PDB file of all heavy atoms in Angstrom:
ATOM      1  N   TRP A   1      91.969  44.288 128.611  1.00  0.00           N
ATOM      2  CA  TRP A   1      92.458  45.483 129.265  1.00  0.00           C
ATOM      3  C   TRP A   1      91.273  46.309 129.727  1.00  0.00           C
ATOM      4  O   TRP A   1      90.322  46.528 128.963  1.00  0.00           O
ATOM      5  CB  TRP A   1      93.339  46.319 128.336  1.00  0.00           C
ATOM      6  CG  TRP A   1      94.664  45.701 128.045  1.00  0.00           C
ATOM      7  CD1 TRP A   1      95.002  44.936 126.979  1.00  0.00           C
ATOM      8  CD2 TRP A   1      95.835  45.811 128.852  1.00  0.00           C
ATOM      9  NE1 TRP A   1      96.318  44.544 127.061  1.00  0.00           N
ATOM     10  CE2 TRP A   1      96.857  45.073 128.207  1.00  0.00           C
ATOM     11  CE3 TRP A   1      96.139  46.454 130.047  1.00  0.00           C
ATOM     12  CZ2 TRP A   1      98.151  44.962 128.720  1.00  0.00           C
ATOM     13  CZ3 TRP A   1      97.423  46.346 130.558  1.00  0.00           C
ATOM     14  CH2 TRP A   1      98.397  45.603 129.894  1.00  0.00           C
ATOM     15  N   HIS A   2      91.329  46.721 130.963  1.00  0.00           N
ATOM     16  CA  HIS A   2      90.366  47.647 131.533  1.00  0.00           C
ATOM     17  C   HIS A   2      91.103  48.895 131.978  1.00  0.00           C
ATOM     18  O   HIS A   2      92.323  48.886 132.124  1.00  0.00           O
ATOM     19  CB  HIS A   2      89.643  47.032 132.732  1.00  0.00           C
ATOM     20  CG  HIS A   2      88.851  45.803 132.423  1.00  0.00           C
ATOM     21  ND1 HIS A   2      89.430  44.589 132.128  1.00  0.00           N
ATOM     22  CD2 HIS A   2      87.505  45.605 132.389  1.00  0.00           C
ATOM     23  CE1 HIS A   2      88.490  43.687 131.921  1.00  0.00           C
ATOM     24  NE2 HIS A   2      87.317  44.280 132.076  1.00  0.00           N
ATOM     25  N   ARG A   3      90.368  49.945 132.213  1.00  0.00           N
ATOM     26  CA  ARG A   3      90.985  51.145 132.748  1.00  0.00           C
ATOM     27  C   ARG A   3      90.038  51.838 133.708  1.00  0.00           C
ATOM     28  O   ARG A   3      88.818  51.684 133.623  1.00  0.00           O
ATOM     29  CB  ARG A   3      91.406  52.112 131.636  1.00  0.00           C
ATOM     30  CG  ARG A   3      90.252  52.751 130.875  1.00  0.00           C
ATOM     31  CD  ARG A   3      90.781  53.575 129.717  1.00  0.00           C
ATOM     32  NE  ARG A   3      89.709  54.229 128.980  1.00  0.00           N
ATOM     33  CZ  ARG A   3      89.879  54.899 127.848  1.00  0.00           C
ATOM     34  NH1 ARG A   3      91.095  55.016 127.321  1.00  0.00           N
ATOM     35  NH2 ARG A   3      88.836  55.465 127.249  1.00  0.00           N
ATOM     36  N   GLN A   4      90.627  52.591 134.602  1.00  0.00           N
ATOM     37  CA  GLN A   4      89.846  53.348 135.557  1.00  0.00           C
ATOM     38  C   GLN A   4      90.473  54.718 135.733  1.00  0.00           C
ATOM     39  O   GLN A   4      91.615  54.832 136.181  1.00  0.00           O
ATOM     40  CB  GLN A   4      89.758  52.629 136.901  1.00  0.00           C
ATOM     41  CG  GLN A   4      88.815  53.294 137.880  1.00  0.00           C
ATOM     42  CD  GLN A   4      88.498  52.415 139.066  1.00  0.00           C
ATOM     43  OE1 GLN A   4      89.277  51.520 139.403  1.00  0.00           O
ATOM     44  NE2 GLN A   4      87.357  52.654 139.689  1.00  0.00           N
ATOM     45  N   ALA A   5      89.725  55.723 135.362  1.00  0.00           N
ATOM     46  CA  ALA A   5      90.154  57.096 135.546  1.00  0.00           C
ATOM     47  C   ALA A   5      89.672  57.594 136.899  1.00  0.00           C
ATOM     48  O   ALA A   5      88.703  57.064 137.456  1.00  0.00           O
ATOM     49  CB  ALA A   5      89.604  57.971 134.424  1.00  0.00           C
ATOM     50  N   PRO A   6      90.320  58.602 137.443  1.00  0.00           N
ATOM     51  CA  PRO A   6      89.906  59.132 138.742  1.00  0.00           C
ATOM     52  C   PRO A   6      88.439  59.532 138.748  1.00  0.00           C
ATOM     53  O   PRO A   6      87.971  60.240 137.854  1.00  0.00           O
ATOM     54  CB  PRO A   6      90.813  60.349 138.934  1.00  0.00           C
ATOM     55  CG  PRO A   6      92.025  60.037 138.125  1.00  0.00           C
ATOM     56  CD  PRO A   6      91.518  59.304 136.928  1.00  0.00           C
ATOM     57  N   GLY A   7      87.717  59.062 139.750  1.00  0.00           N
ATOM     58  CA  GLY A   7      86.320  59.408 139.892  1.00  0.00           C
ATOM     59  C   GLY A   7      85.377  58.695 138.950  1.00  0.00           C
ATOM     60  O   GLY A   7      84.187  59.010 138.930  1.00  0.00           O
ATOM     61  N   LYS A   8      85.877  57.754 138.193  1.00  0.00           N
ATOM     62  CA  LYS A   8      85.047  57.051 137.233  1.00  0.00           C
ATOM     63  C   LYS A   8      85.053  55.551 137.495  1.00  0.00           C
ATOM     64  O   LYS A   8      85.930  55.021 138.177  1.00  0.00           O
ATOM     65  CB  LYS A   8      85.523  57.327 135.804  1.00  0.00           C
ATOM     66  CG  LYS A   8      85.386  58.767 135.367  1.00  0.00           C
ATOM     67  CD  LYS A   8      85.746  58.940 133.907  1.00  0.00           C
ATOM     68  CE  LYS A   8      85.540  60.365 133.444  1.00  0.00           C
ATOM     69  NZ  LYS A   8      85.896  60.530 132.005  1.00  0.00           N
ATOM     70  N   GLN A   9      84.064  54.892 136.936  1.00  0.00           N
ATOM     71  CA  GLN A   9      83.980  53.444 137.030  1.00  0.00           C
ATOM     72  C   GLN A   9      85.030  52.798 136.138  1.00  0.00           C
ATOM     73  O   GLN A   9      85.426  53.356 135.112  1.00  0.00           O
ATOM     74  CB  GLN A   9      82.593  52.954 136.615  1.00  0.00           C
ATOM     75  CG  GLN A   9      81.456  53.450 137.485  1.00  0.00           C
ATOM     76  CD  GLN A   9      81.339  52.672 138.770  1.00  0.00           C
ATOM     77  OE1 GLN A   9      81.870  51.561 138.886  1.00  0.00           O
ATOM     78  NE2 GLN A   9      80.651  53.231 139.740  1.00  0.00           N
ATOM     79  N   ARG A  10      85.459  51.628 136.545  1.00  0.00           N
ATOM     80  CA  ARG A  10      86.349  50.863 135.693  1.00  0.00           C
ATOM     81  C   ARG A  10      85.591  50.421 134.446  1.00  0.00           C
ATOM     82  O   ARG A  10      84.438  49.988 134.526  1.00  0.00           O
ATOM     83  CB  ARG A  10      86.900  49.652 136.445  1.00  0.00           C
ATOM     84  CG  ARG A  10      87.953  48.886 135.680  1.00  0.00           C
ATOM     85  CD  ARG A  10      88.581  47.779 136.523  1.00  0.00           C
ATOM     86  NE  ARG A  10      89.248  48.299 137.708  1.00  0.00           N
ATOM     87  CZ  ARG A  10      90.003  47.576 138.525  1.00  0.00           C
ATOM     88  NH1 ARG A  10      90.194  46.289 138.275  1.00  0.00           N
ATOM     89  NH2 ARG A  10      90.558  48.127 139.589  1.00  0.00           N
ATOM     90  N   GLU A  11      86.229  50.551 133.313  1.00  0.00           N
ATOM     91  CA  GLU A  11      85.586  50.197 132.065  1.00  0.00           C
ATOM     92  C   GLU A  11      86.442  49.246 131.250  1.00  0.00           C
ATOM     93  O   GLU A  11      87.671  49.269 131.323  1.00  0.00           O
ATOM     94  CB  GLU A  11      85.287  51.452 131.224  1.00  0.00           C
ATOM     95  CG  GLU A  11      86.529  52.195 130.762  1.00  0.00           C
ATOM     96  CD  GLU A  11      86.222  53.318 129.791  1.00  0.00           C
ATOM     97  OE1 GLU A  11      85.153  53.300 129.153  1.00  0.00           O
ATOM     98  OE2 GLU A  11      87.070  54.229 129.663  1.00  0.00           O
ATOM     99  N   LEU A  12      85.775  48.428 130.485  1.00  0.00           N
ATOM    100  CA  LEU A  12      86.464  47.541 129.569  1.00  0.00           C
ATOM    101  C   LEU A  12      86.963  48.338 128.383  1.00  0.00           C
ATOM    102  O   LEU A  12      86.202  49.064 127.741  1.00  0.00           O
ATOM    103  CB  LEU A  12      85.528  46.428 129.102  1.00  0.00           C
ATOM    104  CG  LEU A  12      86.090  45.451 128.069  1.00  0.00           C
ATOM    105  CD1 LEU A  12      87.221  44.627 128.662  1.00  0.00           C
ATOM    106  CD2 LEU A  12      84.984  44.539 127.547  1.00  0.00           C
ATOM    107  N   VAL A  13      88.233  48.195 128.082  1.00  0.00           N
ATOM    108  CA  VAL A  13      88.845  48.885 126.959  1.00  0.00           C
ATOM    109  C   VAL A  13      88.901  47.993 125.734  1.00  0.00           C
ATOM    110  O   VAL A  13      88.525  48.395 124.632  1.00  0.00           O
ATOM    111  CB  VAL A  13      90.261  49.374 127.318  1.00  0.00           C
ATOM    112  CG1 VAL A  13      90.944  50.004 126.105  1.00  0.00           C
ATOM    113  CG2 VAL A  13      90.202  50.367 128.469  1.00  0.00           C
ATOM    114  N   ALA A  14      89.390  46.786 125.920  1.00  0.00           N
ATOM    115  CA  ALA A  14      89.544  45.855 124.812  1.00  0.00           C
ATOM    116  C   ALA A  14      89.616  44.447 125.350  1.00  0.00           C
ATOM    117  O   ALA A  14      90.112  44.211 126.450  1.00  0.00           O
ATOM    118  CB  ALA A  14      90.801  46.169 124.000  1.00  0.00           C
ATOM    119  N   VAL A  15      89.121  43.510 124.581  1.00  0.00           N
ATOM    120  CA  VAL A  15      89.153  42.108 124.957  1.00  0.00           C
ATOM    121  C   VAL A  15      89.529  41.280 123.740  1.00  0.00           C
ATOM    122  O   VAL A  15      89.166  41.618 122.605  1.00  0.00           O
ATOM    123  CB  VAL A  15      87.796  41.650 125.544  1.00  0.00           C
ATOM    124  CG1 VAL A  15      86.672  41.837 124.531  1.00  0.00           C
ATOM    125  CG2 VAL A  15      87.866  40.205 126.022  1.00  0.00           C
ATOM    126  N   ILE A  16      90.253  40.223 123.986  1.00  0.00           N
ATOM    127  CA  ILE A  16      90.623  39.298 122.921  1.00  0.00           C
ATOM    128  C   ILE A  16      90.379  37.885 123.411  1.00  0.00           C
ATOM    129  O   ILE A  16      90.776  37.510 124.516  1.00  0.00           O
ATOM    130  CB  ILE A  16      92.082  39.508 122.466  1.00  0.00           C
ATOM    131  CG1 ILE A  16      92.424  38.580 121.297  1.00  0.00           C
ATOM    132  CG2 ILE A  16      93.061  39.336 123.624  1.00  0.00           C
ATOM    133  CD1 ILE A  16      93.730  38.957 120.603  1.00  0.00           C
ATOM    134  N   SER A  17      89.700  37.100 122.614  1.00  0.00           N
ATOM    135  CA  SER A  17      89.379  35.737 122.986  1.00  0.00           C
ATOM    136  C   SER A  17      90.538  34.811 122.681  1.00  0.00           C
ATOM    137  O   SER A  17      91.523  35.184 122.043  1.00  0.00           O
ATOM    138  CB  SER A  17      88.124  35.272 122.243  1.00  0.00           C
ATOM    139  OG  SER A  17      88.416  35.022 120.876  1.00  0.00           O
ATOM    140  N   SER A  18      90.400  33.577 123.143  1.00  0.00           N
ATOM    141  CA  SER A  18      91.424  32.585 122.847  1.00  0.00           C
ATOM    142  C   SER A  18      91.553  32.340 121.354  1.00  0.00           C
ATOM    143  O   SER A  18      92.634  31.949 120.879  1.00  0.00           O
ATOM    144  CB  SER A  18      91.113  31.272 123.569  1.00  0.00           C
ATOM    145  OG  SER A  18      89.862  30.745 123.158  1.00  0.00           O
ATOM    146  N   GLY A  19      90.471  32.555 120.628  1.00  0.00           N
ATOM    147  CA  GLY A  19      90.487  32.397 119.193  1.00  0.00           C
ATOM    148  C   GLY A  19      90.938  33.624 118.427  1.00  0.00           C
ATOM    149  O   GLY A  19      91.012  33.588 117.196  1.00  0.00           O
ATOM    150  N   GLY A  20      91.215  34.701 119.145  1.00  0.00           N
ATOM    151  CA  GLY A  20      91.738  35.894 118.509  1.00  0.00           C
ATOM    152  C   GLY A  20      90.711  36.941 118.125  1.00  0.00           C
ATOM    153  O   GLY A  20      91.071  37.958 117.526  1.00  0.00           O
ATOM    154  N   THR A  21      89.456  36.704 118.452  1.00  0.00           N
ATOM    155  CA  THR A  21      88.456  37.723 118.167  1.00  0.00           C
ATOM    156  C   THR A  21      88.588  38.863 119.165  1.00  0.00           C
ATOM    157  O   THR A  21      88.883  38.644 120.339  1.00  0.00           O
ATOM    158  CB  THR A  21      87.041  37.145 118.208  1.00  0.00           C
ATOM    159  OG1 THR A  21      86.790  36.571 119.498  1.00  0.00           O
ATOM    160  CG2 THR A  21      86.874  36.075 117.151  1.00  0.00           C
ATOM    161  N   THR A  22      88.363  40.062 118.702  1.00  0.00           N
ATOM    162  CA  THR A  22      88.573  41.239 119.527  1.00  0.00           C
ATOM    163  C   THR A  22      87.331  42.106 119.590  1.00  0.00           C
ATOM    164  O   THR A  22      86.469  42.062 118.713  1.00  0.00           O
ATOM    165  CB  THR A  22      89.739  42.084 118.995  1.00  0.00           C
ATOM    166  OG1 THR A  22      89.452  42.506 117.652  1.00  0.00           O
ATOM    167  CG2 THR A  22      91.027  41.283 118.996  1.00  0.00           C
ATOM    168  N   ASN A  23      87.277  42.893 120.635  1.00  0.00           N
ATOM    169  CA  ASN A  23      86.231  43.883 120.784  1.00  0.00           C
ATOM    170  C   ASN A  23      86.819  45.067 121.526  1.00  0.00           C
ATOM    171  O   ASN A  23      87.678  44.894 122.396  1.00  0.00           O
ATOM    172  CB  ASN A  23      85.033  43.315 121.533  1.00  0.00           C
ATOM    173  CG  ASN A  23      83.810  44.195 121.417  1.00  0.00           C
ATOM    174  OD1 ASN A  23      83.622  44.877 120.411  1.00  0.00           O
ATOM    175  ND2 ASN A  23      82.967  44.180 122.441  1.00  0.00           N
ATOM    176  N   TYR A  24      86.344  46.262 121.191  1.00  0.00           N
ATOM    177  CA  TYR A  24      86.888  47.483 121.752  1.00  0.00           C
ATOM    178  C   TYR A  24      85.784  48.405 122.214  1.00  0.00           C
ATOM    179  O   TYR A  24      84.689  48.427 121.651  1.00  0.00           O
ATOM    180  CB  TYR A  24      87.726  48.234 120.718  1.00  0.00           C
ATOM    181  CG  TYR A  24      88.914  47.478 120.195  1.00  0.00           C
ATOM    182  CD1 TYR A  24      88.813  46.662 119.073  1.00  0.00           C
ATOM    183  CD2 TYR A  24      90.152  47.579 120.829  1.00  0.00           C
ATOM    184  CE1 TYR A  24      89.902  45.974 118.590  1.00  0.00           C
ATOM    185  CE2 TYR A  24      91.245  46.891 120.351  1.00  0.00           C
ATOM    186  CZ  TYR A  24      91.117  46.090 119.233  1.00  0.00           C
ATOM    187  OH  TYR A  24      92.210  45.403 118.754  1.00  0.00           O
ATOM    188  N   ALA A  25      86.104  49.176 123.227  1.00  0.00           N
ATOM    189  CA  ALA A  25      85.230  50.276 123.580  1.00  0.00           C
ATOM    190  C   ALA A  25      85.198  51.271 122.432  1.00  0.00           C
ATOM    191  O   ALA A  25      86.201  51.483 121.743  1.00  0.00           O
ATOM    192  CB  ALA A  25      85.723  50.960 124.850  1.00  0.00           C
TER     193      ALA A  25
END
């Protein structure tokens, strides 16, 4: 999941791998 607020760059919010590992902003 990524997000983009008005006037800001798109940023990575959270990622999950095929193996289920996760990372968050």
